[in-house]
């Protein structure tokens, strides 16, 4: 299996995250990707190659143009306003407030943010842009006939909505890859999100569409970030009715219970009949992940990789979350090896 990877991810190296009322070192940090690519190489999974550059068009095919322009300029504007730290929103358009878009960068941050944990620093846009190109290159490899590809994206993407960032995500890599495939001949794409956290951004982007089946297994939003999306009764709207499937699961969920939801999702993917499957691969379902509450063990990732392979679909794995950094490489590559050996 080929891995697509960009060293530009290191440009995203924020120093602060608001967590538990304190500014801490971000859970989403450069070493995550370094541990994964090191593991890819050590087990000889396959070649590791840099991405091609597909430009802005595939990004703008998914995200609001003003939002993208904001991401490109926010750090410069933040500094120009005289702020000394990293850019963190302090105010949001909450219930019953105006929908006018502010001019000042402090207001713009809140307008485009869905949470306050994700600070923006120098290099964030460069890394987010490169991460989208990593996903696009993986999608293009599938178009060229590859059976499976691993797009080692960092920063992750599945929380990034049409016009919102947060949850460490700025551009929705899986959605950008899916749209690229649809724009180049595919009629149906399925996105299976196995990250611990609900893929609220992916849901937002495709909620009213029938050409993308979105399925997400995640911590119940009554108890877990992102809290305000991910319930089982969110099934799509209009043409998208029935093409959005959520599996909210409670604290302490073990692999036996989690796998039952995965099997149901796999059956729905098979019934949908997509030409391509995109897996939003988060391994924060691991039992010792510091910001999650599922109880999967390392061997379980091999098992469910093989489960996904049974679909016999061309598959693009797009890296999302996973914050037990010492084990992230083993767990992510276990899924990929399970898929390769299970096929």
C-alpha atoms as a PDB file:
ATOM      1  CA  UNK A   1       0.000   0.000   0.000  1.00  0.00           C
ATOM      2  CA  UNK A   2       1.414   3.374  -0.997  1.00  0.00           C
ATOM      3  CA  UNK A   3       1.508   6.136   1.622  1.00  0.00           C
ATOM      4  CA  UNK A   4       1.205   9.790   0.587  1.00  0.00           C
ATOM      5  CA  UNK A   5       2.905  12.121   3.059  1.00  0.00           C
ATOM      6  CA  UNK A   6       4.049  15.732   3.146  1.00  0.00           C
ATOM      7  CA  UNK A   7       6.763  17.119   5.397  1.00  0.00           C
ATOM      8  CA  UNK A   8       4.879  20.426   5.222  1.00  0.00           C
ATOM      9  CA  UNK A   9       2.676  19.119   8.047  1.00  0.00           C
ATOM     10  CA  UNK A  10       5.424  20.346  10.408  1.00  0.00           C
ATOM     11  CA  UNK A  11       4.407  23.929   9.603  1.00  0.00           C
ATOM     12  CA  UNK A  12       1.364  23.275  11.770  1.00  0.00           C
ATOM     13  CA  UNK A  13       3.053  23.431  15.165  1.00  0.00           C
ATOM     14  CA  UNK A  14       0.778  25.348  17.501  1.00  0.00           C
ATOM     15  CA  UNK A  15       2.017  25.756  21.063  1.00  0.00           C
ATOM     16  CA  UNK A  16      -1.274  26.193  22.876  1.00  0.00           C
ATOM     17  CA  UNK A  17      -4.598  24.418  23.258  1.00  0.00           C
ATOM     18  CA  UNK A  18      -7.390  25.425  25.625  1.00  0.00           C
ATOM     19  CA  UNK A  19      -8.178  22.255  27.577  1.00  0.00           C
ATOM     20  CA  UNK A  20      -9.776  21.913  30.992  1.00  0.00           C
ATOM     21  CA  UNK A  21      -9.480  25.640  31.607  1.00  0.00           C
ATOM     22  CA  UNK A  22      -5.734  25.653  30.936  1.00  0.00           C
ATOM     23  CA  UNK A  23      -3.473  26.354  27.983  1.00  0.00           C
ATOM     24  CA  UNK A  24      -1.663  23.071  27.367  1.00  0.00           C
ATOM     25  CA  UNK A  25       0.535  21.579  24.661  1.00  0.00           C
ATOM     26  CA  UNK A  26      -1.837  20.555  21.851  1.00  0.00           C
ATOM     27  CA  UNK A  27      -2.820  16.893  21.694  1.00  0.00           C
ATOM     28  CA  UNK A  28      -2.647  17.266  17.910  1.00  0.00           C
ATOM     29  CA  UNK A  29       1.086  17.795  17.361  1.00  0.00           C
ATOM     30  CA  UNK A  30       3.716  17.069  14.682  1.00  0.00           C
ATOM     31  CA  UNK A  31       5.039  13.935  16.380  1.00  0.00           C
ATOM     32  CA  UNK A  32       1.744  12.170  15.621  1.00  0.00           C
ATOM     33  CA  UNK A  33       2.533  12.035  11.920  1.00  0.00           C
ATOM     34  CA  UNK A  34       6.198  11.254  12.521  1.00  0.00           C
ATOM     35  CA  UNK A  35       5.382   8.171  14.580  1.00  0.00           C
ATOM     36  CA  UNK A  36       2.973   6.948  11.917  1.00  0.00           C
ATOM     37  CA  UNK A  37       5.320   7.373   8.968  1.00  0.00           C
ATOM     38  CA  UNK A  38       8.121   5.766  10.985  1.00  0.00           C
ATOM     39  CA  UNK A  39       5.894   2.726  11.537  1.00  0.00           C
ATOM     40  CA  UNK A  40       4.887   2.627   7.869  1.00  0.00           C
ATOM     41  CA  UNK A  41       8.549   2.438   6.935  1.00  0.00           C
ATOM     42  CA  UNK A  42       9.569  -0.023   9.643  1.00  0.00           C
ATOM     43  CA  UNK A  43       6.994  -2.634   8.587  1.00  0.00           C
ATOM     44  CA  UNK A  44       7.658  -1.956   4.885  1.00  0.00           C
ATOM     45  CA  UNK A  45       4.003  -1.272   4.185  1.00  0.00           C
ATOM     46  CA  UNK A  46       4.932   0.221   0.823  1.00  0.00           C
ATOM     47  CA  UNK A  47       6.489   3.310  -0.751  1.00  0.00           C
ATOM     48  CA  UNK A  48       6.131   6.717   0.895  1.00  0.00           C
ATOM     49  CA  UNK A  49       5.739   9.513  -1.639  1.00  0.00           C
ATOM     50  CA  UNK A  50       5.046  13.264  -1.532  1.00  0.00           C
ATOM     51  CA  UNK A  51       1.760  14.646  -2.846  1.00  0.00           C
ATOM     52  CA  UNK A  52       1.077  16.249  -6.180  1.00  0.00           C
ATOM     53  CA  UNK A  53      -0.358  19.778  -6.172  1.00  0.00           C
ATOM     54  CA  UNK A  54      -3.915  20.019  -7.472  1.00  0.00           C
ATOM     55  CA  UNK A  55      -4.275  23.703  -6.658  1.00  0.00           C
ATOM     56  CA  UNK A  56      -7.193  25.495  -5.040  1.00  0.00           C
ATOM     57  CA  UNK A  57     -10.048  24.356  -7.263  1.00  0.00           C
ATOM     58  CA  UNK A  58     -10.719  21.026  -5.486  1.00  0.00           C
ATOM     59  CA  UNK A  59     -10.720  22.828  -2.131  1.00  0.00           C
ATOM     60  CA  UNK A  60     -13.160  25.479  -3.349  1.00  0.00           C
ATOM     61  CA  UNK A  61     -15.372  22.725  -4.765  1.00  0.00           C
ATOM     62  CA  UNK A  62     -16.088  21.777  -1.134  1.00  0.00           C
ATOM     63  CA  UNK A  63     -15.507  24.825   1.069  1.00  0.00           C
ATOM     64  CA  UNK A  64     -16.978  28.326   1.090  1.00  0.00           C
ATOM     65  CA  UNK A  65     -14.626  30.735  -0.701  1.00  0.00           C
ATOM     66  CA  UNK A  66     -14.780  33.401   2.035  1.00  0.00           C
ATOM     67  CA  UNK A  67     -13.935  30.766   4.645  1.00  0.00           C
ATOM     68  CA  UNK A  68     -10.922  29.621   2.646  1.00  0.00           C
ATOM     69  CA  UNK A  69      -9.773  33.227   2.235  1.00  0.00           C
ATOM     70  CA  UNK A  70     -10.089  33.646   6.011  1.00  0.00           C
ATOM     71  CA  UNK A  71      -7.856  30.609   6.624  1.00  0.00           C
ATOM     72  CA  UNK A  72      -5.259  32.014   4.250  1.00  0.00           C
ATOM     73  CA  UNK A  73      -5.109  35.445   5.906  1.00  0.00           C
ATOM     74  CA  UNK A  74      -6.084  34.911   9.557  1.00  0.00           C
ATOM     75  CA  UNK A  75      -2.562  34.718  10.986  1.00  0.00           C
ATOM     76  CA  UNK A  76      -1.431  37.862   9.198  1.00  0.00           C
ATOM     77  CA  UNK A  77      -4.563  39.753  10.277  1.00  0.00           C
ATOM     78  CA  UNK A  78      -4.225  38.518  13.853  1.00  0.00           C
ATOM     79  CA  UNK A  79      -0.680  39.829  14.069  1.00  0.00           C
ATOM     80  CA  UNK A  80      -1.611  43.094  12.386  1.00  0.00           C
ATOM     81  CA  UNK A  81      -4.253  43.658  15.081  1.00  0.00           C
ATOM     82  CA  UNK A  82      -1.476  43.619  17.658  1.00  0.00           C
ATOM     83  CA  UNK A  83      -2.286  40.334  19.382  1.00  0.00           C
ATOM     84  CA  UNK A  84       0.752  38.566  20.829  1.00  0.00           C
ATOM     85  CA  UNK A  85      -0.337  34.957  21.324  1.00  0.00           C
ATOM     86  CA  UNK A  86      -1.776  32.381  18.966  1.00  0.00           C
ATOM     87  CA  UNK A  87      -5.172  33.091  17.438  1.00  0.00           C
ATOM     88  CA  UNK A  88      -7.949  31.670  19.630  1.00  0.00           C
ATOM     89  CA  UNK A  89     -11.585  32.768  19.291  1.00  0.00           C
ATOM     90  CA  UNK A  90     -13.179  34.459  22.273  1.00  0.00           C
ATOM     91  CA  UNK A  91     -16.739  35.096  21.069  1.00  0.00           C
ATOM     92  CA  UNK A  92     -19.240  33.264  18.849  1.00  0.00           C
ATOM     93  CA  UNK A  93     -22.555  33.928  17.091  1.00  0.00           C
ATOM     94  CA  UNK A  94     -24.676  32.055  19.616  1.00  0.00           C
ATOM     95  CA  UNK A  95     -28.432  31.474  19.696  1.00  0.00           C
ATOM     96  CA  UNK A  96     -30.556  34.538  18.857  1.00  0.00           C
ATOM     97  CA  UNK A  97     -27.591  36.653  17.725  1.00  0.00           C
ATOM     98  CA  UNK A  98     -26.934  38.466  14.464  1.00  0.00           C
ATOM     99  CA  UNK A  99     -25.693  36.623  11.384  1.00  0.00           C
ATOM    100  CA  UNK A 100     -23.678  39.610  10.127  1.00  0.00           C
ATOM    101  CA  UNK A 101     -20.041  38.707   9.451  1.00  0.00           C
ATOM    102  CA  UNK A 102     -17.686  40.966  11.467  1.00  0.00           C
ATOM    103  CA  UNK A 103     -14.734  42.776   9.915  1.00  0.00           C
ATOM    104  CA  UNK A 104     -12.392  42.576  12.918  1.00  0.00           C
ATOM    105  CA  UNK A 105     -10.255  39.441  13.091  1.00  0.00           C
ATOM    106  CA  UNK A 106     -11.371  38.658  16.649  1.00  0.00           C
ATOM    107  CA  UNK A 107     -14.980  38.514  15.453  1.00  0.00           C
ATOM    108  CA  UNK A 108     -14.081  36.618  12.279  1.00  0.00           C
ATOM    109  CA  UNK A 109     -12.369  33.919  14.322  1.00  0.00           C
ATOM    110  CA  UNK A 110     -15.528  33.285  16.280  1.00  0.00           C
ATOM    111  CA  UNK A 111     -17.680  33.396  13.163  1.00  0.00           C
ATOM    112  CA  UNK A 112     -15.681  30.654  11.455  1.00  0.00           C
ATOM    113  CA  UNK A 113     -14.753  28.583  14.544  1.00  0.00           C
ATOM    114  CA  UNK A 114     -16.844  25.766  15.954  1.00  0.00           C
ATOM    115  CA  UNK A 115     -14.696  25.387  19.080  1.00  0.00           C
ATOM    116  CA  UNK A 116     -11.952  27.215  20.969  1.00  0.00           C
ATOM    117  CA  UNK A 117      -9.411  24.441  21.440  1.00  0.00           C
ATOM    118  CA  UNK A 118      -7.870  24.871  17.995  1.00  0.00           C
ATOM    119  CA  UNK A 119      -5.443  27.766  18.053  1.00  0.00           C
ATOM    120  CA  UNK A 120      -4.068  29.135  14.777  1.00  0.00           C
ATOM    121  CA  UNK A 121      -0.386  29.935  14.387  1.00  0.00           C
ATOM    122  CA  UNK A 122       2.113  30.685  11.657  1.00  0.00           C
ATOM    123  CA  UNK A 123       2.195  27.899   9.062  1.00  0.00           C
ATOM    124  CA  UNK A 124      -1.281  26.551   9.757  1.00  0.00           C
ATOM    125  CA  UNK A 125      -2.576  27.347   6.274  1.00  0.00           C
ATOM    126  CA  UNK A 126       0.490  25.854   4.595  1.00  0.00           C
ATOM    127  CA  UNK A 127       0.034  22.588   6.472  1.00  0.00           C
ATOM    128  CA  UNK A 128      -3.732  22.457   5.899  1.00  0.00           C
ATOM    129  CA  UNK A 129      -3.281  23.076   2.169  1.00  0.00           C
ATOM    130  CA  UNK A 130      -0.613  20.352   1.947  1.00  0.00           C
ATOM    131  CA  UNK A 131      -2.843  17.952   3.888  1.00  0.00           C
ATOM    132  CA  UNK A 132      -5.637  18.448   1.361  1.00  0.00           C
ATOM    133  CA  UNK A 133      -3.171  17.727  -1.444  1.00  0.00           C
ATOM    134  CA  UNK A 134      -2.158  14.506   0.335  1.00  0.00           C
ATOM    135  CA  UNK A 135      -5.798  13.387   0.280  1.00  0.00           C
ATOM    136  CA  UNK A 136      -6.282  14.467  -3.335  1.00  0.00           C
ATOM    137  CA  UNK A 137      -3.182  12.564  -4.434  1.00  0.00           C
ATOM    138  CA  UNK A 138      -4.508   9.433  -2.756  1.00  0.00           C
ATOM    139  CA  UNK A 139      -7.841   9.849  -4.541  1.00  0.00           C
ATOM    140  CA  UNK A 140      -6.052  10.312  -7.847  1.00  0.00           C
ATOM    141  CA  UNK A 141      -4.047   7.112  -7.287  1.00  0.00           C
ATOM    142  CA  UNK A 142      -7.330   5.225  -6.948  1.00  0.00           C
ATOM    143  CA  UNK A 143      -8.524   6.769 -10.202  1.00  0.00           C
ATOM    144  CA  UNK A 144      -5.350   5.428 -11.793  1.00  0.00           C
ATOM    145  CA  UNK A 145      -6.146   1.902 -10.634  1.00  0.00           C
ATOM    146  CA  UNK A 146      -4.641   1.486  -7.168  1.00  0.00           C
ATOM    147  CA  UNK A 147      -6.581  -0.857  -4.883  1.00  0.00           C
ATOM    148  CA  UNK A 148      -5.730   1.031  -1.700  1.00  0.00           C
ATOM    149  CA  UNK A 149      -3.814   4.140  -0.628  1.00  0.00           C
ATOM    150  CA  UNK A 150      -2.977   5.695   2.731  1.00  0.00           C
ATOM    151  CA  UNK A 151      -3.166   9.489   2.762  1.00  0.00           C
ATOM    152  CA  UNK A 152      -1.249  10.395   5.913  1.00  0.00           C
ATOM    153  CA  UNK A 153      -2.961  13.734   6.398  1.00  0.00           C
ATOM    154  CA  UNK A 154      -1.989  16.187   9.087  1.00  0.00           C
ATOM    155  CA  UNK A 155      -3.723  18.319  10.196  1.00  0.00           C
ATOM    156  CA  UNK A 156      -6.811  16.101  10.159  1.00  0.00           C
ATOM    157  CA  UNK A 157     -10.010  17.199   8.478  1.00  0.00           C
ATOM    158  CA  UNK A 158     -13.305  15.566   9.434  1.00  0.00           C
ATOM    159  CA  UNK A 159     -14.466  18.328  11.809  1.00  0.00           C
ATOM    160  CA  UNK A 160     -14.007  21.024   9.145  1.00  0.00           C
ATOM    161  CA  UNK A 161     -17.424  21.949   7.778  1.00  0.00           C
ATOM    162  CA  UNK A 162     -18.457  23.950   4.719  1.00  0.00           C
ATOM    163  CA  UNK A 163     -17.378  27.177   6.437  1.00  0.00           C
ATOM    164  CA  UNK A 164     -16.134  26.259   9.931  1.00  0.00           C
ATOM    165  CA  UNK A 165     -12.906  24.984  11.457  1.00  0.00           C
ATOM    166  CA  UNK A 166     -12.250  23.338  14.809  1.00  0.00           C
ATOM    167  CA  UNK A 167     -11.401  20.036  16.416  1.00  0.00           C
ATOM    168  CA  UNK A 168      -7.864  20.484  15.012  1.00  0.00           C
ATOM    169  CA  UNK A 169      -9.321  20.536  11.473  1.00  0.00           C
ATOM    170  CA  UNK A 170      -9.237  23.312   8.858  1.00  0.00           C
ATOM    171  CA  UNK A 171      -9.989  21.720   5.476  1.00  0.00           C
ATOM    172  CA  UNK A 172     -12.027  18.524   5.180  1.00  0.00           C
ATOM    173  CA  UNK A 173      -9.548  16.198   3.517  1.00  0.00           C
ATOM    174  CA  UNK A 174     -11.918  13.230   3.126  1.00  0.00           C
ATOM    175  CA  UNK A 175     -14.667  15.414   1.661  1.00  0.00           C
ATOM    176  CA  UNK A 176     -12.252  17.093  -0.749  1.00  0.00           C
ATOM    177  CA  UNK A 177     -11.041  13.682  -1.919  1.00  0.00           C
ATOM    178  CA  UNK A 178     -14.626  12.436  -2.328  1.00  0.00           C
ATOM    179  CA  UNK A 179     -15.663  15.474  -4.359  1.00  0.00           C
ATOM    180  CA  UNK A 180     -12.597  15.087  -6.572  1.00  0.00           C
ATOM    181  CA  UNK A 181     -13.606  11.514  -7.346  1.00  0.00           C
ATOM    182  CA  UNK A 182     -17.184  12.583  -8.114  1.00  0.00           C
ATOM    183  CA  UNK A 183     -15.978  15.408 -10.342  1.00  0.00           C
ATOM    184  CA  UNK A 184     -13.886  12.927 -12.293  1.00  0.00           C
ATOM    185  CA  UNK A 185     -16.336  10.194 -13.106  1.00  0.00           C
ATOM    186  CA  UNK A 186     -17.473   8.452  -9.921  1.00  0.00           C
ATOM    187  CA  UNK A 187     -21.227   8.356  -9.344  1.00  0.00           C
ATOM    188  CA  UNK A 188     -21.284   7.201  -5.725  1.00  0.00           C
ATOM    189  CA  UNK A 189     -18.713   7.421  -2.934  1.00  0.00           C
ATOM    190  CA  UNK A 190     -19.036   6.125   0.622  1.00  0.00           C
ATOM    191  CA  UNK A 191     -17.191   7.701   3.557  1.00  0.00           C
ATOM    192  CA  UNK A 192     -16.801   5.523   6.645  1.00  0.00           C
ATOM    193  CA  UNK A 193     -15.617   7.506   9.661  1.00  0.00           C
ATOM    194  CA  UNK A 194     -14.109   5.321  12.392  1.00  0.00           C
ATOM    195  CA  UNK A 195     -12.581   8.148  14.427  1.00  0.00           C
ATOM    196  CA  UNK A 196     -13.757   8.337  18.042  1.00  0.00           C
ATOM    197  CA  UNK A 197     -15.271  11.777  17.411  1.00  0.00           C
ATOM    198  CA  UNK A 198     -18.208  12.341  15.098  1.00  0.00           C
ATOM    199  CA  UNK A 199     -17.304  13.604  11.639  1.00  0.00           C
ATOM    200  CA  UNK A 200     -19.564  16.615  11.952  1.00  0.00           C
ATOM    201  CA  UNK A 201     -17.843  18.513   9.151  1.00  0.00           C
ATOM    202  CA  UNK A 202     -18.243  15.688   6.661  1.00  0.00           C
ATOM    203  CA  UNK A 203     -21.883  15.325   7.644  1.00  0.00           C
ATOM    204  CA  UNK A 204     -22.423  19.055   7.173  1.00  0.00           C
ATOM    205  CA  UNK A 205     -20.933  19.030   3.689  1.00  0.00           C
ATOM    206  CA  UNK A 206     -22.885  16.068   2.312  1.00  0.00           C
ATOM    207  CA  UNK A 207     -26.085  16.134   4.405  1.00  0.00           C
ATOM    208  CA  UNK A 208     -28.405  16.994   1.519  1.00  0.00           C
ATOM    209  CA  UNK A 209     -26.764  14.778  -1.102  1.00  0.00           C
ATOM    210  CA  UNK A 210     -27.303  11.227  -2.281  1.00  0.00           C
ATOM    211  CA  UNK A 211     -24.019  10.773  -4.162  1.00  0.00           C
ATOM    212  CA  UNK A 212     -22.090  10.365  -0.884  1.00  0.00           C
ATOM    213  CA  UNK A 213     -23.099   7.877   1.794  1.00  0.00           C
ATOM    214  CA  UNK A 214     -21.647   9.037   5.107  1.00  0.00           C
ATOM    215  CA  UNK A 215     -21.415   6.685   8.088  1.00  0.00           C
ATOM    216  CA  UNK A 216     -19.821   7.572  11.428  1.00  0.00           C
ATOM    217  CA  UNK A 217     -19.088   5.435  14.504  1.00  0.00           C
ATOM    218  CA  UNK A 218     -18.313   7.697  17.460  1.00  0.00           C
ATOM    219  CA  UNK A 219     -18.711   8.634  21.085  1.00  0.00           C
ATOM    220  CA  UNK A 220     -22.261   9.679  21.881  1.00  0.00           C
ATOM    221  CA  UNK A 221     -22.421  13.477  21.407  1.00  0.00           C
ATOM    222  CA  UNK A 222     -24.364  13.710  24.656  1.00  0.00           C
ATOM    223  CA  UNK A 223     -21.020  12.905  26.284  1.00  0.00           C
ATOM    224  CA  UNK A 224     -18.332  13.693  23.709  1.00  0.00           C
ATOM    225  CA  UNK A 225     -17.022  16.398  21.371  1.00  0.00           C
ATOM    226  CA  UNK A 226     -18.341  17.826  19.058  1.00  0.00           C
ATOM    227  CA  UNK A 227     -21.549  17.560  21.170  1.00  0.00           C
ATOM    228  CA  UNK A 228     -23.958  19.253  18.747  1.00  0.00           C
ATOM    229  CA  UNK A 229     -24.024  16.747  15.881  1.00  0.00           C
ATOM    230  CA  UNK A 230     -23.826  12.968  15.616  1.00  0.00           C
ATOM    231  CA  UNK A 231     -27.155  11.705  16.910  1.00  0.00           C
ATOM    232  CA  UNK A 232     -28.821   8.651  15.406  1.00  0.00           C
ATOM    233  CA  UNK A 233     -31.830  10.644  14.191  1.00  0.00           C
ATOM    234  CA  UNK A 234     -29.646  12.734  11.861  1.00  0.00           C
ATOM    235  CA  UNK A 235     -30.282  10.775   8.662  1.00  0.00           C
ATOM    236  CA  UNK A 236     -29.928  13.382   5.912  1.00  0.00           C
ATOM    237  CA  UNK A 237     -32.189  16.002   4.390  1.00  0.00           C
ATOM    238  CA  UNK A 238     -33.948  16.373   1.051  1.00  0.00           C
ATOM    239  CA  UNK A 239     -32.140  14.330  -1.577  1.00  0.00           C
ATOM    240  CA  UNK A 240     -29.761  13.207   1.162  1.00  0.00           C
ATOM    241  CA  UNK A 241     -32.429  11.594   3.331  1.00  0.00           C
ATOM    242  CA  UNK A 242     -31.222   8.126   4.301  1.00  0.00           C
ATOM    243  CA  UNK A 243     -27.637   8.732   3.179  1.00  0.00           C
ATOM    244  CA  UNK A 244     -26.306   9.868   6.571  1.00  0.00           C
ATOM    245  CA  UNK A 245     -25.891   7.183   9.230  1.00  0.00           C
ATOM    246  CA  UNK A 246     -24.653   7.814  12.768  1.00  0.00           C
ATOM    247  CA  UNK A 247     -23.706   5.235  15.394  1.00  0.00           C
ATOM    248  CA  UNK A 248     -23.367   7.110  18.710  1.00  0.00           C
ATOM    249  CA  UNK A 249     -21.856   4.792  21.324  1.00  0.00           C
ATOM    250  CA  UNK A 250     -21.588   5.187  25.107  1.00  0.00           C
ATOM    251  CA  UNK A 251     -18.566   5.593  27.385  1.00  0.00           C
ATOM    252  CA  UNK A 252     -16.619   2.382  27.902  1.00  0.00           C
ATOM    253  CA  UNK A 253     -17.642   0.824  24.570  1.00  0.00           C
ATOM    254  CA  UNK A 254     -15.535  -2.287  23.913  1.00  0.00           C
ATOM    255  CA  UNK A 255     -14.553  -3.787  20.594  1.00  0.00           C
ATOM    256  CA  UNK A 256     -17.315  -6.402  20.528  1.00  0.00           C
ATOM    257  CA  UNK A 257     -19.971  -3.691  20.790  1.00  0.00           C
ATOM    258  CA  UNK A 258     -18.141  -1.299  18.454  1.00  0.00           C
ATOM    259  CA  UNK A 259     -17.669  -4.015  15.847  1.00  0.00           C
ATOM    260  CA  UNK A 260     -21.404  -4.726  15.713  1.00  0.00           C
ATOM    261  CA  UNK A 261     -21.943  -1.134  14.584  1.00  0.00           C
ATOM    262  CA  UNK A 262     -19.098  -1.482  12.092  1.00  0.00           C
ATOM    263  CA  UNK A 263     -20.666  -4.605  10.621  1.00  0.00           C
ATOM    264  CA  UNK A 264     -23.968  -2.794  10.194  1.00  0.00           C
ATOM    265  CA  UNK A 265     -22.165   0.102   8.511  1.00  0.00           C
ATOM    266  CA  UNK A 266     -20.329  -2.309   6.194  1.00  0.00           C
ATOM    267  CA  UNK A 267     -23.623  -3.888   5.185  1.00  0.00           C
ATOM    268  CA  UNK A 268     -25.034  -0.459   4.369  1.00  0.00           C
ATOM    269  CA  UNK A 269     -21.975   0.406   2.296  1.00  0.00           C
ATOM    270  CA  UNK A 270     -22.350  -2.848   0.349  1.00  0.00           C
ATOM    271  CA  UNK A 271     -26.027  -2.126  -0.300  1.00  0.00           C
ATOM    272  CA  UNK A 272     -25.210   1.387  -1.502  1.00  0.00           C
ATOM    273  CA  UNK A 273     -22.740   0.080  -4.063  1.00  0.00           C
ATOM    274  CA  UNK A 274     -20.148   2.865  -4.222  1.00  0.00           C
ATOM    275  CA  UNK A 275     -17.284   2.823  -6.683  1.00  0.00           C
ATOM    276  CA  UNK A 276     -14.881   3.976  -3.950  1.00  0.00           C
ATOM    277  CA  UNK A 277     -14.715   3.798  -0.157  1.00  0.00           C
ATOM    278  CA  UNK A 278     -12.990   6.534   1.847  1.00  0.00           C
ATOM    279  CA  UNK A 279     -12.130   5.688   5.447  1.00  0.00           C
ATOM    280  CA  UNK A 280     -11.680   8.598   7.847  1.00  0.00           C
ATOM    281  CA  UNK A 281      -9.132   6.754   9.952  1.00  0.00           C
ATOM    282  CA  UNK A 282      -8.948   7.941  13.529  1.00  0.00           C
ATOM    283  CA  UNK A 283      -7.347   5.614  16.060  1.00  0.00           C
ATOM    284  CA  UNK A 284      -8.463   7.575  19.110  1.00  0.00           C
ATOM    285  CA  UNK A 285     -10.804   4.652  19.814  1.00  0.00           C
ATOM    286  CA  UNK A 286      -7.758   3.098  21.522  1.00  0.00           C
ATOM    287  CA  UNK A 287      -8.200   2.180  25.186  1.00  0.00           C
ATOM    288  CA  UNK A 288      -5.590   4.640  26.517  1.00  0.00           C
ATOM    289  CA  UNK A 289      -6.312   7.616  24.282  1.00  0.00           C
ATOM    290  CA  UNK A 290      -6.234  10.681  26.554  1.00  0.00           C
ATOM    291  CA  UNK A 291      -9.308  12.475  25.153  1.00  0.00           C
ATOM    292  CA  UNK A 292     -11.624   9.558  24.302  1.00  0.00           C
ATOM    293  CA  UNK A 293     -13.538   6.807  26.086  1.00  0.00           C
ATOM    294  CA  UNK A 294     -13.661   3.668  23.918  1.00  0.00           C
ATOM    295  CA  UNK A 295     -11.711   0.531  24.830  1.00  0.00           C
ATOM    296  CA  UNK A 296     -10.278  -0.896  21.610  1.00  0.00           C
ATOM    297  CA  UNK A 297      -6.954  -2.723  21.879  1.00  0.00           C
ATOM    298  CA  UNK A 298      -4.147  -2.710  19.322  1.00  0.00           C
ATOM    299  CA  UNK A 299      -5.059  -6.143  17.921  1.00  0.00           C
ATOM    300  CA  UNK A 300      -8.620  -4.938  17.298  1.00  0.00           C
ATOM    301  CA  UNK A 301      -7.384  -2.495  14.675  1.00  0.00           C
ATOM    302  CA  UNK A 302      -6.014  -5.399  12.622  1.00  0.00           C
ATOM    303  CA  UNK A 303      -9.368  -7.172  12.866  1.00  0.00           C
ATOM    304  CA  UNK A 304     -11.462  -4.281  11.682  1.00  0.00           C
ATOM    305  CA  UNK A 305      -9.048  -3.481   8.874  1.00  0.00           C
ATOM    306  CA  UNK A 306      -9.771  -6.979   7.567  1.00  0.00           C
ATOM    307  CA  UNK A 307     -13.499  -6.410   8.072  1.00  0.00           C
ATOM    308  CA  UNK A 308     -13.357  -3.360   5.805  1.00  0.00           C
ATOM    309  CA  UNK A 309     -11.330  -5.276   3.202  1.00  0.00           C
ATOM    310  CA  UNK A 310     -14.169  -7.772   2.854  1.00  0.00           C
ATOM    311  CA  UNK A 311     -16.093  -5.111   0.919  1.00  0.00           C
ATOM    312  CA  UNK A 312     -13.628  -5.563  -1.976  1.00  0.00           C
ATOM    313  CA  UNK A 313     -13.782  -1.853  -2.781  1.00  0.00           C
ATOM    314  CA  UNK A 314     -10.974   0.495  -3.786  1.00  0.00           C
ATOM    315  CA  UNK A 315     -10.153   2.205  -0.497  1.00  0.00           C
ATOM    316  CA  UNK A 316      -8.573   5.502   0.462  1.00  0.00           C
ATOM    317  CA  UNK A 317      -7.517   5.748   4.104  1.00  0.00           C
ATOM    318  CA  UNK A 318      -7.383   9.392   5.233  1.00  0.00           C
ATOM    319  CA  UNK A 319      -5.698   9.977   8.585  1.00  0.00           C
ATOM    320  CA  UNK A 320      -7.776  11.755  11.207  1.00  0.00           C
ATOM    321  CA  UNK A 321      -7.344  11.570  15.000  1.00  0.00           C
ATOM    322  CA  UNK A 322      -5.457   9.510  17.568  1.00  0.00           C
ATOM    323  CA  UNK A 323      -3.729  11.054  20.573  1.00  0.00           C
ATOM    324  CA  UNK A 324      -1.959   8.238  22.408  1.00  0.00           C
ATOM    325  CA  UNK A 325       1.113   9.292  20.507  1.00  0.00           C
ATOM    326  CA  UNK A 326       3.356   6.445  21.642  1.00  0.00           C
ATOM    327  CA  UNK A 327       0.943   3.924  20.121  1.00  0.00           C
ATOM    328  CA  UNK A 328      -0.518   5.867  17.208  1.00  0.00           C
ATOM    329  CA  UNK A 329       1.866   4.413  14.648  1.00  0.00           C
ATOM    330  CA  UNK A 330       1.203   0.816  15.665  1.00  0.00           C
ATOM    331  CA  UNK A 331      -2.573   1.272  15.739  1.00  0.00           C
ATOM    332  CA  UNK A 332      -2.883   3.159  12.456  1.00  0.00           C
ATOM    333  CA  UNK A 333      -0.653   0.736  10.575  1.00  0.00           C
ATOM    334  CA  UNK A 334      -2.455  -2.228  12.154  1.00  0.00           C
ATOM    335  CA  UNK A 335      -5.621  -1.125  10.362  1.00  0.00           C
ATOM    336  CA  UNK A 336      -3.755  -0.846   7.062  1.00  0.00           C
ATOM    337  CA  UNK A 337      -2.026  -4.210   7.435  1.00  0.00           C
ATOM    338  CA  UNK A 338      -5.317  -5.813   8.450  1.00  0.00           C
ATOM    339  CA  UNK A 339      -6.882  -4.421   5.310  1.00  0.00           C
ATOM    340  CA  UNK A 340      -4.018  -5.563   3.076  1.00  0.00           C
ATOM    341  CA  UNK A 341      -3.903  -9.064   4.532  1.00  0.00           C
ATOM    342  CA  UNK A 342      -7.666  -9.363   4.791  1.00  0.00           C
ATOM    343  CA  UNK A 343      -8.241  -8.629   1.133  1.00  0.00           C
END
